[in-house]
């Protein structure tokens, strides 16, 4: 990729990130019930919350397990629960959340 294409891509990514930041309150309101259910399923487990944040469709469950430190059985159960709650896409081998959540979603108990 040449220098001008790289700069253009960087600018587009920056604009995308700013739009996401501005849209977050509207997204949170739209997905309020799903986000509440996600918080309920994850609970206060740091390993589960880290695993969920890694679910972007680009990682297999084994990689999510290794990177989050969650037990394989716990991850399998969590994925099944998320699928039942319609919180992840159909492919449970490389799970991806159906809703967007900020990286700080599990940091506080308040609704975001």
PDB file of N, CA and C in Angstrom:
ATOM      1  N   UNK A   1       0.843  -1.160   0.000  1.00  0.00           N
ATOM      2  CA  UNK A   1       0.000   0.000   0.000  1.00  0.00           C
ATOM      3  C   UNK A   1       0.897   1.234   0.000  1.00  0.00           C
ATOM      4  N   UNK A   2       0.590   2.179  -0.878  1.00  0.00           N
ATOM      5  CA  UNK A   2       1.422   3.374  -0.923  1.00  0.00           C
ATOM      6  C   UNK A   2       1.063   4.322   0.216  1.00  0.00           C
ATOM      7  N   UNK A   3       1.882   5.353   0.381  1.00  0.00           N
ATOM      8  CA  UNK A   3       1.756   6.259   1.516  1.00  0.00           C
ATOM      9  C   UNK A   3       0.411   6.978   1.546  1.00  0.00           C
ATOM     10  N   UNK A   4      -0.094   7.442   0.402  1.00  0.00           N
ATOM     11  CA  UNK A   4      -1.364   8.170   0.383  1.00  0.00           C
ATOM     12  C   UNK A   4      -2.537   7.246   0.729  1.00  0.00           C
ATOM     13  N   UNK A   5      -2.489   6.004   0.275  1.00  0.00           N
ATOM     14  CA  UNK A   5      -3.543   5.043   0.616  1.00  0.00           C
ATOM     15  C   UNK A   5      -3.524   4.727   2.103  1.00  0.00           C
ATOM     16  N   UNK A   6      -2.330   4.619   2.649  1.00  0.00           N
ATOM     17  CA  UNK A   6      -2.188   4.349   4.080  1.00  0.00           C
ATOM     18  C   UNK A   6      -2.746   5.503   4.910  1.00  0.00           C
ATOM     19  N   UNK A   7      -2.462   6.728   4.507  1.00  0.00           N
ATOM     20  CA  UNK A   7      -2.966   7.894   5.220  1.00  0.00           C
ATOM     21  C   UNK A   7      -4.487   7.972   5.125  1.00  0.00           C
ATOM     22  N   UNK A   8      -5.028   7.658   3.959  1.00  0.00           N
ATOM     23  CA  UNK A   8      -6.471   7.675   3.765  1.00  0.00           C
ATOM     24  C   UNK A   8      -7.137   6.621   4.644  1.00  0.00           C
ATOM     25  N   UNK A   9      -6.570   5.436   4.686  1.00  0.00           N
ATOM     26  CA  UNK A   9      -7.109   4.374   5.520  1.00  0.00           C
ATOM     27  C   UNK A   9      -7.065   4.763   6.993  1.00  0.00           C
ATOM     28  N   UNK A  10      -5.983   5.365   7.433  1.00  0.00           N
ATOM     29  CA  UNK A  10      -5.866   5.818   8.825  1.00  0.00           C
ATOM     30  C   UNK A  10      -6.939   6.862   9.143  1.00  0.00           C
ATOM     31  N   UNK A  11      -7.163   7.787   8.214  1.00  0.00           N
ATOM     32  CA  UNK A  11      -8.175   8.828   8.421  1.00  0.00           C
ATOM     33  C   UNK A  11      -9.577   8.217   8.486  1.00  0.00           C
ATOM     34  N   UNK A  12      -9.858   7.263   7.624  1.00  0.00           N
ATOM     35  CA  UNK A  12     -11.165   6.600   7.629  1.00  0.00           C
ATOM     36  C   UNK A  12     -11.374   5.847   8.936  1.00  0.00           C
ATOM     37  N   UNK A  13     -10.360   5.164   9.409  1.00  0.00           N
ATOM     38  CA  UNK A  13     -10.465   4.433  10.679  1.00  0.00           C
ATOM     39  C   UNK A  13     -10.705   5.391  11.838  1.00  0.00           C
ATOM     40  N   UNK A  14     -10.053   6.532  11.814  1.00  0.00           N
ATOM     41  CA  UNK A  14     -10.246   7.534  12.864  1.00  0.00           C
ATOM     42  C   UNK A  14     -11.673   8.077  12.834  1.00  0.00           C
ATOM     43  N   UNK A  15     -12.201   8.343  11.637  1.00  0.00           N
ATOM     44  CA  UNK A  15     -13.583   8.825  11.501  1.00  0.00           C
ATOM     45  C   UNK A  15     -14.558   7.765  12.005  1.00  0.00           C
ATOM     46  N   UNK A  16     -14.317   6.500  11.648  1.00  0.00           N
ATOM     47  CA  UNK A  16     -15.168   5.406  12.104  1.00  0.00           C
ATOM     48  C   UNK A  16     -15.206   5.361  13.629  1.00  0.00           C
ATOM     49  N   UNK A  17     -14.051   5.475  14.259  1.00  0.00           N
ATOM     50  CA  UNK A  17     -13.981   5.427  15.717  1.00  0.00           C
ATOM     51  C   UNK A  17     -14.736   6.600  16.355  1.00  0.00           C
ATOM     52  N   UNK A  18     -14.643   7.772  15.744  1.00  0.00           N
ATOM     53  CA  UNK A  18     -15.366   8.936  16.267  1.00  0.00           C
ATOM     54  C   UNK A  18     -16.882   8.769  16.115  1.00  0.00           C
ATOM     55  N   UNK A  19     -17.312   8.227  14.995  1.00  0.00           N
ATOM     56  CA  UNK A  19     -18.745   7.984  14.786  1.00  0.00           C
ATOM     57  C   UNK A  19     -19.259   6.967  15.798  1.00  0.00           C
ATOM     58  N   UNK A  20     -18.491   5.929  16.052  1.00  0.00           N
ATOM     59  CA  UNK A  20     -18.889   4.937  17.059  1.00  0.00           C
ATOM     60  C   UNK A  20     -19.034   5.588  18.426  1.00  0.00           C
ATOM     61  N   UNK A  21     -18.100   6.462  18.768  1.00  0.00           N
ATOM     62  CA  UNK A  21     -18.147   7.149  20.058  1.00  0.00           C
ATOM     63  C   UNK A  21     -19.404   8.001  20.166  1.00  0.00           C
ATOM     64  N   UNK A  22     -19.728   8.724  19.107  1.00  0.00           N
ATOM     65  CA  UNK A  22     -20.917   9.572  19.107  1.00  0.00           C
ATOM     66  C   UNK A  22     -22.203   8.757  19.125  1.00  0.00           C
ATOM     67  N   UNK A  23     -22.184   7.604  18.485  1.00  0.00           N
ATOM     68  CA  UNK A  23     -23.385   6.773  18.379  1.00  0.00           C
ATOM     69  C   UNK A  23     -23.616   5.898  19.606  1.00  0.00           C
ATOM     70  N   UNK A  24     -22.646   5.760  20.472  1.00  0.00           N
ATOM     71  CA  UNK A  24     -22.741   4.831  21.601  1.00  0.00           C
ATOM     72  C   UNK A  24     -24.004   5.013  22.447  1.00  0.00           C
ATOM     73  N   UNK A  25     -24.416   6.223  22.820  1.00  0.00           N
ATOM     74  CA  UNK A  25     -25.642   6.344  23.619  1.00  0.00           C
ATOM     75  C   UNK A  25     -26.882   5.794  22.900  1.00  0.00           C
ATOM     76  N   UNK A  26     -27.004   6.037  21.616  1.00  0.00           N
ATOM     77  CA  UNK A  26     -28.147   5.526  20.853  1.00  0.00           C
ATOM     78  C   UNK A  26     -28.078   4.008  20.731  1.00  0.00           C
ATOM     79  N   UNK A  27     -26.893   3.480  20.532  1.00  0.00           N
ATOM     80  CA  UNK A  27     -26.710   2.026  20.442  1.00  0.00           C
ATOM     81  C   UNK A  27     -27.051   1.379  21.777  1.00  0.00           C
ATOM     82  N   UNK A  28     -26.626   1.990  22.866  1.00  0.00           N
ATOM     83  CA  UNK A  28     -26.902   1.449  24.194  1.00  0.00           C
ATOM     84  C   UNK A  28     -28.405   1.395  24.460  1.00  0.00           C
ATOM     85  N   UNK A  29     -29.129   2.425  24.066  1.00  0.00           N
ATOM     86  CA  UNK A  29     -30.578   2.438  24.270  1.00  0.00           C
ATOM     87  C   UNK A  29     -31.254   1.367  23.419  1.00  0.00           C
ATOM     88  N   UNK A  30     -30.833   1.239  22.170  1.00  0.00           N
ATOM     89  CA  UNK A  30     -31.411   0.245  21.269  1.00  0.00           C
ATOM     90  C   UNK A  30     -31.184  -1.175  21.793  1.00  0.00           C
ATOM     91  N   UNK A  31     -30.012  -1.426  22.334  1.00  0.00           N
ATOM     92  CA  UNK A  31     -29.630  -2.771  22.761  1.00  0.00           C
ATOM     93  C   UNK A  31     -29.756  -2.988  24.265  1.00  0.00           C
ATOM     94  N   UNK A  32     -30.529  -2.156  24.938  1.00  0.00           N
ATOM     95  CA  UNK A  32     -30.593  -2.181  26.405  1.00  0.00           C
ATOM     96  C   UNK A  32     -30.948  -3.563  26.959  1.00  0.00           C
ATOM     97  N   UNK A  33     -31.981  -4.207  26.436  1.00  0.00           N
ATOM     98  CA  UNK A  33     -32.396  -5.521  26.948  1.00  0.00           C
ATOM     99  C   UNK A  33     -31.313  -6.566  26.707  1.00  0.00           C
ATOM    100  N   UNK A  34     -30.721  -6.540  25.522  1.00  0.00           N
ATOM    101  CA  UNK A  34     -29.669  -7.511  25.213  1.00  0.00           C
ATOM    102  C   UNK A  34     -28.435  -7.275  26.081  1.00  0.00           C
ATOM    103  N   UNK A  35     -28.101  -6.026  26.320  1.00  0.00           N
ATOM    104  CA  UNK A  35     -26.947  -5.719  27.167  1.00  0.00           C
ATOM    105  C   UNK A  35     -27.194  -6.149  28.613  1.00  0.00           C
ATOM    106  N   UNK A  36     -28.423  -5.983  29.073  1.00  0.00           N
ATOM    107  CA  UNK A  36     -28.771  -6.423  30.428  1.00  0.00           C
ATOM    108  C   UNK A  36     -28.614  -7.936  30.534  1.00  0.00           C
ATOM    109  N   UNK A  37     -29.086  -8.656  29.523  1.00  0.00           N
ATOM    110  CA  UNK A  37     -28.962 -10.114  29.522  1.00  0.00           C
ATOM    111  C   UNK A  37     -27.493 -10.534  29.443  1.00  0.00           C
ATOM    112  N   UNK A  38     -26.706  -9.826  28.662  1.00  0.00           N
ATOM    113  CA  UNK A  38     -25.275 -10.120  28.556  1.00  0.00           C
ATOM    114  C   UNK A  38     -24.602  -9.959  29.916  1.00  0.00           C
ATOM    115  N   UNK A  39     -24.912  -8.881  30.609  1.00  0.00           N
ATOM    116  CA  UNK A  39     -24.342  -8.663  31.946  1.00  0.00           C
ATOM    117  C   UNK A  39     -24.765  -9.762  32.910  1.00  0.00           C
ATOM    118  N   UNK A  40     -26.025 -10.195  32.807  1.00  0.00           N
ATOM    119  CA  UNK A  40     -26.525 -11.244  33.696  1.00  0.00           C
ATOM    120  C   UNK A  40     -25.776 -12.549  33.461  1.00  0.00           C
ATOM    121  N   UNK A  41     -25.567 -12.911  32.187  1.00  0.00           N
ATOM    122  CA  UNK A  41     -24.890 -14.162  31.865  1.00  0.00           C
ATOM    123  C   UNK A  41     -23.416 -14.144  32.267  1.00  0.00           C
ATOM    124  N   UNK A  42     -22.762 -13.029  32.106  1.00  0.00           N
ATOM    125  CA  UNK A  42     -21.337 -12.923  32.430  1.00  0.00           C
ATOM    126  C   UNK A  42     -21.133 -12.788  33.934  1.00  0.00           C
ATOM    127  N   UNK A  43     -22.038 -12.104  34.591  1.00  0.00           N
ATOM    128  CA  UNK A  43     -21.899 -11.895  36.033  1.00  0.00           C
ATOM    129  C   UNK A  43     -20.692 -11.029  36.336  1.00  0.00           C
ATOM    130  N   UNK A  44     -19.985 -11.348  37.403  1.00  0.00           N
ATOM    131  CA  UNK A  44     -18.821 -10.555  37.802  1.00  0.00           C
ATOM    132  C   UNK A  44     -17.508 -11.221  37.420  1.00  0.00           C
ATOM    133  N   UNK A  45     -17.599 -12.266  36.611  1.00  0.00           N
ATOM    134  CA  UNK A  45     -16.409 -13.013  36.217  1.00  0.00           C
ATOM    135  C   UNK A  45     -15.547 -12.217  35.235  1.00  0.00           C
ATOM    136  N   UNK A  46     -14.329 -11.941  35.644  1.00  0.00           N
ATOM    137  CA  UNK A  46     -13.403 -11.226  34.769  1.00  0.00           C
ATOM    138  C   UNK A  46     -13.012 -12.073  33.563  1.00  0.00           C
ATOM    139  N   UNK A  47     -12.888 -13.382  33.769  1.00  0.00           N
ATOM    140  CA  UNK A  47     -12.518 -14.263  32.660  1.00  0.00           C
ATOM    141  C   UNK A  47     -13.630 -14.331  31.618  1.00  0.00           C
ATOM    142  N   UNK A  48     -14.869 -14.408  32.078  1.00  0.00           N
ATOM    143  CA  UNK A  48     -15.998 -14.430  31.137  1.00  0.00           C
ATOM    144  C   UNK A  48     -16.110 -13.105  30.391  1.00  0.00           C
ATOM    145  N   UNK A  49     -15.933 -11.998  31.118  1.00  0.00           N
ATOM    146  CA  UNK A  49     -16.037 -10.692  30.459  1.00  0.00           C
ATOM    147  C   UNK A  49     -14.932 -10.522  29.422  1.00  0.00           C
ATOM    148  N   UNK A  50     -13.735 -10.966  29.746  1.00  0.00           N
ATOM    149  CA  UNK A  50     -12.639 -10.879  28.784  1.00  0.00           C
ATOM    150  C   UNK A  50     -12.927 -11.764  27.573  1.00  0.00           C
ATOM    151  N   UNK A  51     -13.471 -12.964  27.826  1.00  0.00           N
ATOM    152  CA  UNK A  51     -13.807 -13.880  26.734  1.00  0.00           C
ATOM    153  C   UNK A  51     -14.851 -13.256  25.805  1.00  0.00           C
ATOM    154  N   UNK A  52     -15.884 -12.647  26.386  1.00  0.00           N
ATOM    155  CA  UNK A  52     -16.941 -12.030  25.575  1.00  0.00           C
ATOM    156  C   UNK A  52     -16.377 -10.899  24.722  1.00  0.00           C
ATOM    157  N   UNK A  53     -15.500 -10.091  25.304  1.00  0.00           N
ATOM    158  CA  UNK A  53     -14.919  -8.981  24.541  1.00  0.00           C
ATOM    159  C   UNK A  53     -14.027  -9.477  23.400  1.00  0.00           C
ATOM    160  N   UNK A  54     -13.537 -10.705  23.503  1.00  0.00           N
ATOM    161  CA  UNK A  54     -12.720 -11.280  22.421  1.00  0.00           C
ATOM    162  C   UNK A  54     -13.575 -11.902  21.314  1.00  0.00           C
ATOM    163  N   UNK A  55     -14.874 -12.007  21.536  1.00  0.00           N
ATOM    164  CA  UNK A  55     -15.776 -12.640  20.568  1.00  0.00           C
ATOM    165  C   UNK A  55     -16.129 -11.657  19.459  1.00  0.00           C
ATOM    166  N   UNK A  56     -15.243 -11.598  18.463  1.00  0.00           N
ATOM    167  CA  UNK A  56     -15.468 -10.704  17.327  1.00  0.00           C
ATOM    168  C   UNK A  56     -15.558 -11.459  16.000  1.00  0.00           C
ATOM    169  N   UNK A  57     -15.617 -12.784  16.080  1.00  0.00           N
ATOM    170  CA  UNK A  57     -15.736 -13.595  14.870  1.00  0.00           C
ATOM    171  C   UNK A  57     -14.413 -13.943  14.224  1.00  0.00           C
ATOM    172  N   UNK A  58     -13.320 -13.450  14.765  1.00  0.00           N
ATOM    173  CA  UNK A  58     -12.012 -13.707  14.156  1.00  0.00           C
ATOM    174  C   UNK A  58     -11.205 -14.752  14.939  1.00  0.00           C
ATOM    175  N   UNK A  59     -11.756 -15.199  16.069  1.00  0.00           N
ATOM    176  CA  UNK A  59     -11.024 -16.152  16.909  1.00  0.00           C
ATOM    177  C   UNK A  59     -11.856 -17.407  17.150  1.00  0.00           C
ATOM    178  N   UNK A  60     -11.200 -18.534  17.132  1.00  0.00           N
ATOM    179  CA  UNK A  60     -11.848 -19.793  17.500  1.00  0.00           C
ATOM    180  C   UNK A  60     -11.937 -19.847  19.021  1.00  0.00           C
ATOM    181  N   UNK A  61     -12.828 -20.708  19.513  1.00  0.00           N
ATOM    182  CA  UNK A  61     -13.013 -20.824  20.958  1.00  0.00           C
ATOM    183  C   UNK A  61     -11.710 -21.159  21.680  1.00  0.00           C
ATOM    184  N   UNK A  62     -10.861 -21.980  21.079  1.00  0.00           N
ATOM    185  CA  UNK A  62      -9.599 -22.352  21.733  1.00  0.00           C
ATOM    186  C   UNK A  62      -8.714 -21.128  21.962  1.00  0.00           C
ATOM    187  N   UNK A  63      -8.710 -20.220  21.012  1.00  0.00           N
ATOM    188  CA  UNK A  63      -7.902 -18.999  21.144  1.00  0.00           C
ATOM    189  C   UNK A  63      -8.511 -18.089  22.210  1.00  0.00           C
ATOM    190  N   UNK A  64      -9.844 -17.969  22.197  1.00  0.00           N
ATOM    191  CA  UNK A  64     -10.523 -17.154  23.216  1.00  0.00           C
ATOM    192  C   UNK A  64     -10.227 -17.711  24.602  1.00  0.00           C
ATOM    193  N   UNK A  65     -10.271 -19.023  24.716  1.00  0.00           N
ATOM    194  CA  UNK A  65      -9.985 -19.670  26.003  1.00  0.00           C
ATOM    195  C   UNK A  65      -8.580 -19.335  26.473  1.00  0.00           C
ATOM    196  N   UNK A  66      -7.618 -19.477  25.575  1.00  0.00           N
ATOM    197  CA  UNK A  66      -6.216 -19.239  25.937  1.00  0.00           C
ATOM    198  C   UNK A  66      -5.985 -17.773  26.296  1.00  0.00           C
ATOM    199  N   UNK A  67      -6.549 -16.849  25.518  1.00  0.00           N
ATOM    200  CA  UNK A  67      -6.299 -15.423  25.752  1.00  0.00           C
ATOM    201  C   UNK A  67      -7.043 -14.872  26.970  1.00  0.00           C
ATOM    202  N   UNK A  68      -8.179 -15.477  27.312  1.00  0.00           N
ATOM    203  CA  UNK A  68      -8.959 -14.972  28.443  1.00  0.00           C
ATOM    204  C   UNK A  68      -8.672 -15.715  29.742  1.00  0.00           C
ATOM    205  N   UNK A  69      -8.126 -16.938  29.626  1.00  0.00           N
ATOM    206  CA  UNK A  69      -7.845 -17.737  30.808  1.00  0.00           C
ATOM    207  C   UNK A  69      -9.060 -18.484  31.345  1.00  0.00           C
ATOM    208  N   UNK A  70     -10.154 -18.463  30.609  1.00  0.00           N
ATOM    209  CA  UNK A  70     -11.372 -19.135  31.055  1.00  0.00           C
ATOM    210  C   UNK A  70     -11.244 -20.644  30.856  1.00  0.00           C
ATOM    211  N   UNK A  71     -11.877 -21.400  31.706  1.00  0.00           N
ATOM    212  CA  UNK A  71     -11.914 -22.857  31.611  1.00  0.00           C
ATOM    213  C   UNK A  71     -12.691 -23.258  30.346  1.00  0.00           C
ATOM    214  N   UNK A  72     -12.252 -24.303  29.669  1.00  0.00           N
ATOM    215  CA  UNK A  72     -12.883 -24.737  28.415  1.00  0.00           C
ATOM    216  C   UNK A  72     -14.370 -25.047  28.616  1.00  0.00           C
ATOM    217  N   UNK A  73     -14.706 -25.744  29.691  1.00  0.00           N
ATOM    218  CA  UNK A  73     -16.107 -26.076  29.973  1.00  0.00           C
ATOM    219  C   UNK A  73     -16.942 -24.837  30.223  1.00  0.00           C
ATOM    220  N   UNK A  74     -16.389 -23.885  30.984  1.00  0.00           N
ATOM    221  CA  UNK A  74     -17.106 -22.637  31.263  1.00  0.00           C
ATOM    222  C   UNK A  74     -17.339 -21.841  29.975  1.00  0.00           C
ATOM    223  N   UNK A  75     -16.336 -21.835  29.094  1.00  0.00           N
ATOM    224  CA  UNK A  75     -16.487 -21.119  27.825  1.00  0.00           C
ATOM    225  C   UNK A  75     -17.561 -21.775  26.965  1.00  0.00           C
ATOM    226  N   UNK A  76     -17.555 -23.079  26.906  1.00  0.00           N
ATOM    227  CA  UNK A  76     -18.553 -23.805  26.119  1.00  0.00           C
ATOM    228  C   UNK A  76     -19.965 -23.505  26.624  1.00  0.00           C
ATOM    229  N   UNK A  77     -20.139 -23.537  27.943  1.00  0.00           N
ATOM    230  CA  UNK A  77     -21.443 -23.227  28.534  1.00  0.00           C
ATOM    231  C   UNK A  77     -21.836 -21.787  28.233  1.00  0.00           C
ATOM    232  N   UNK A  78     -20.887 -20.856  28.373  1.00  0.00           N
ATOM    233  CA  UNK A  78     -21.154 -19.443  28.107  1.00  0.00           C
ATOM    234  C   UNK A  78     -21.583 -19.238  26.655  1.00  0.00           C
ATOM    235  N   UNK A  79     -20.882 -19.867  25.725  1.00  0.00           N
ATOM    236  CA  UNK A  79     -21.216 -19.721  24.309  1.00  0.00           C
ATOM    237  C   UNK A  79     -22.624 -20.242  24.046  1.00  0.00           C
ATOM    238  N   UNK A  80     -22.979 -21.376  24.638  1.00  0.00           N
ATOM    239  CA  UNK A  80     -24.331 -21.923  24.470  1.00  0.00           C
ATOM    240  C   UNK A  80     -25.373 -20.969  25.038  1.00  0.00           C
ATOM    241  N   UNK A  81     -25.097 -20.399  26.202  1.00  0.00           N
ATOM    242  CA  UNK A  81     -26.034 -19.454  26.805  1.00  0.00           C
ATOM    243  C   UNK A  81     -26.187 -18.201  25.946  1.00  0.00           C
ATOM    244  N   UNK A  82     -25.079 -17.703  25.419  1.00  0.00           N
ATOM    245  CA  UNK A  82     -25.124 -16.516  24.565  1.00  0.00           C
ATOM    246  C   UNK A  82     -25.892 -16.803  23.280  1.00  0.00           C
ATOM    247  N   UNK A  83     -25.700 -17.985  22.746  1.00  0.00           N
ATOM    248  CA  UNK A  83     -26.408 -18.374  21.521  1.00  0.00           C
ATOM    249  C   UNK A  83     -27.902 -18.483  21.792  1.00  0.00           C
ATOM    250  N   UNK A  84     -28.286 -19.100  22.907  1.00  0.00           N
ATOM    251  CA  UNK A  84     -29.691 -19.233  23.276  1.00  0.00           C
ATOM    252  C   UNK A  84     -30.342 -17.864  23.460  1.00  0.00           C
ATOM    253  N   UNK A  85     -29.596 -16.919  24.013  1.00  0.00           N
ATOM    254  CA  UNK A  85     -30.096 -15.559  24.245  1.00  0.00           C
ATOM    255  C   UNK A  85     -30.007 -14.690  22.993  1.00  0.00           C
ATOM    256  N   UNK A  86     -29.585 -15.274  21.880  1.00  0.00           N
ATOM    257  CA  UNK A  86     -29.441 -14.554  20.607  1.00  0.00           C
ATOM    258  C   UNK A  86     -28.444 -13.403  20.710  1.00  0.00           C
ATOM    259  N   UNK A  87     -27.390 -13.619  21.496  1.00  0.00           N
ATOM    260  CA  UNK A  87     -26.362 -12.599  21.670  1.00  0.00           C
ATOM    261  C   UNK A  87     -25.133 -12.823  20.797  1.00  0.00           C
ATOM    262  N   UNK A  88     -25.021 -14.018  20.205  1.00  0.00           N
ATOM    263  CA  UNK A  88     -23.921 -14.268  19.269  1.00  0.00           C
ATOM    264  C   UNK A  88     -24.489 -14.817  17.969  1.00  0.00           C
ATOM    265  N   UNK A  89     -23.710 -14.661  16.914  1.00  0.00           N
ATOM    266  CA  UNK A  89     -24.102 -15.181  15.607  1.00  0.00           C
ATOM    267  C   UNK A  89     -24.072 -16.697  15.623  1.00  0.00           C
ATOM    268  N   UNK A  90     -24.652 -17.286  14.619  1.00  0.00           N
ATOM    269  CA  UNK A  90     -24.874 -18.730  14.575  1.00  0.00           C
ATOM    270  C   UNK A  90     -23.605 -19.574  14.700  1.00  0.00           C
ATOM    271  N   UNK A  91     -22.478 -19.113  14.159  1.00  0.00           N
ATOM    272  CA  UNK A  91     -21.258 -19.911  14.181  1.00  0.00           C
ATOM    273  C   UNK A  91     -20.598 -19.832  15.550  1.00  0.00           C
ATOM    274  N   UNK A  92     -20.859 -20.850  16.366  1.00  0.00           N
ATOM    275  CA  UNK A  92     -20.317 -20.851  17.732  1.00  0.00           C
ATOM    276  C   UNK A  92     -18.837 -21.210  17.771  1.00  0.00           C
ATOM    277  N   UNK A  93     -18.277 -21.724  16.663  1.00  0.00           N
ATOM    278  CA  UNK A  93     -16.851 -22.065  16.650  1.00  0.00           C
ATOM    279  C   UNK A  93     -15.990 -20.812  16.659  1.00  0.00           C
ATOM    280  N   UNK A  94     -16.461 -19.773  15.986  1.00  0.00           N
ATOM    281  CA  UNK A  94     -15.801 -18.468  15.982  1.00  0.00           C
ATOM    282  C   UNK A  94     -16.850 -17.431  16.376  1.00  0.00           C
ATOM    283  N   UNK A  95     -17.209 -17.396  17.666  1.00  0.00           N
ATOM    284  CA  UNK A  95     -18.327 -16.556  18.099  1.00  0.00           C
ATOM    285  C   UNK A  95     -18.094 -15.065  17.890  1.00  0.00           C
ATOM    286  N   UNK A  96     -19.187 -14.387  17.544  1.00  0.00           N
ATOM    287  CA  UNK A  96     -19.166 -12.933  17.383  1.00  0.00           C
ATOM    288  C   UNK A  96     -20.442 -12.375  17.990  1.00  0.00           C
ATOM    289  N   UNK A  97     -20.310 -11.366  18.822  1.00  0.00           N
ATOM    290  CA  UNK A  97     -21.476 -10.751  19.435  1.00  0.00           C
ATOM    291  C   UNK A  97     -22.377 -10.127  18.377  1.00  0.00           C
ATOM    292  N   UNK A  98     -23.687 -10.208  18.601  1.00  0.00           N
ATOM    293  CA  UNK A  98     -24.662  -9.574  17.719  1.00  0.00           C
ATOM    294  C   UNK A  98     -24.848  -8.102  18.047  1.00  0.00           C
ATOM    295  N   UNK A  99     -24.345  -7.682  19.183  1.00  0.00           N
ATOM    296  CA  UNK A  99     -24.451  -6.288  19.600  1.00  0.00           C
ATOM    297  C   UNK A  99     -23.052  -5.747  19.823  1.00  0.00           C
ATOM    298  N   UNK A 100     -22.936  -4.450  19.737  1.00  0.00           N
ATOM    299  CA  UNK A 100     -21.627  -3.859  20.020  1.00  0.00           C
ATOM    300  C   UNK A 100     -21.618  -3.371  21.460  1.00  0.00           C
ATOM    301  N   UNK A 101     -20.491  -3.589  22.107  1.00  0.00           N
ATOM    302  CA  UNK A 101     -20.299  -3.101  23.474  1.00  0.00           C
ATOM    303  C   UNK A 101     -18.921  -2.456  23.550  1.00  0.00           C
ATOM    304  N   UNK A 102     -18.812  -1.378  24.306  1.00  0.00           N
ATOM    305  CA  UNK A 102     -17.495  -0.754  24.453  1.00  0.00           C
ATOM    306  C   UNK A 102     -16.569  -1.643  25.278  1.00  0.00           C
ATOM    307  N   UNK A 103     -15.296  -1.427  25.142  1.00  0.00           N
ATOM    308  CA  UNK A 103     -14.314  -2.245  25.866  1.00  0.00           C
ATOM    309  C   UNK A 103     -14.432  -2.076  27.382  1.00  0.00           C
ATOM    310  N   UNK A 104     -15.096  -1.028  27.822  1.00  0.00           N
ATOM    311  CA  UNK A 104     -15.283  -0.771  29.249  1.00  0.00           C
ATOM    312  C   UNK A 104     -16.638  -1.265  29.757  1.00  0.00           C
ATOM    313  N   UNK A 105     -17.358  -2.014  28.939  1.00  0.00           N
ATOM    314  CA  UNK A 105     -18.726  -2.433  29.250  1.00  0.00           C
ATOM    315  C   UNK A 105     -18.852  -3.139  30.590  1.00  0.00           C
ATOM    316  N   UNK A 106     -17.914  -4.003  30.925  1.00  0.00           N
ATOM    317  CA  UNK A 106     -18.003  -4.780  32.153  1.00  0.00           C
ATOM    318  C   UNK A 106     -17.295  -4.111  33.330  1.00  0.00           C
ATOM    319  N   UNK A 107     -16.753  -2.913  33.146  1.00  0.00           N
ATOM    320  CA  UNK A 107     -16.022  -2.243  34.219  1.00  0.00           C
ATOM    321  C   UNK A 107     -16.923  -1.763  35.339  1.00  0.00           C
ATOM    322  N   UNK A 108     -18.138  -1.337  34.999  1.00  0.00           N
ATOM    323  CA  UNK A 108     -19.059  -0.825  36.004  1.00  0.00           C
ATOM    324  C   UNK A 108     -20.362  -1.572  35.973  1.00  0.00           C
ATOM    325  N   UNK A 109     -21.160  -1.407  36.972  1.00  0.00           N
ATOM    326  CA  UNK A 109     -22.447  -2.079  37.052  1.00  0.00           C
ATOM    327  C   UNK A 109     -23.562  -1.264  36.432  1.00  0.00           C
ATOM    328  N   UNK A 110     -23.350   0.015  36.236  1.00  0.00           N
ATOM    329  CA  UNK A 110     -24.396   0.852  35.695  1.00  0.00           C
ATOM    330  C   UNK A 110     -24.636   0.544  34.232  1.00  0.00           C
ATOM    331  N   UNK A 111     -25.862   0.830  33.750  1.00  0.00           N
ATOM    332  CA  UNK A 111     -26.165   0.660  32.342  1.00  0.00           C
ATOM    333  C   UNK A 111     -25.453   1.717  31.545  1.00  0.00           C
ATOM    334  N   UNK A 112     -24.907   1.272  30.414  1.00  0.00           N
ATOM    335  CA  UNK A 112     -24.172   2.208  29.564  1.00  0.00           C
ATOM    336  C   UNK A 112     -24.931   2.409  28.280  1.00  0.00           C
TER     337      UNK A 112
END
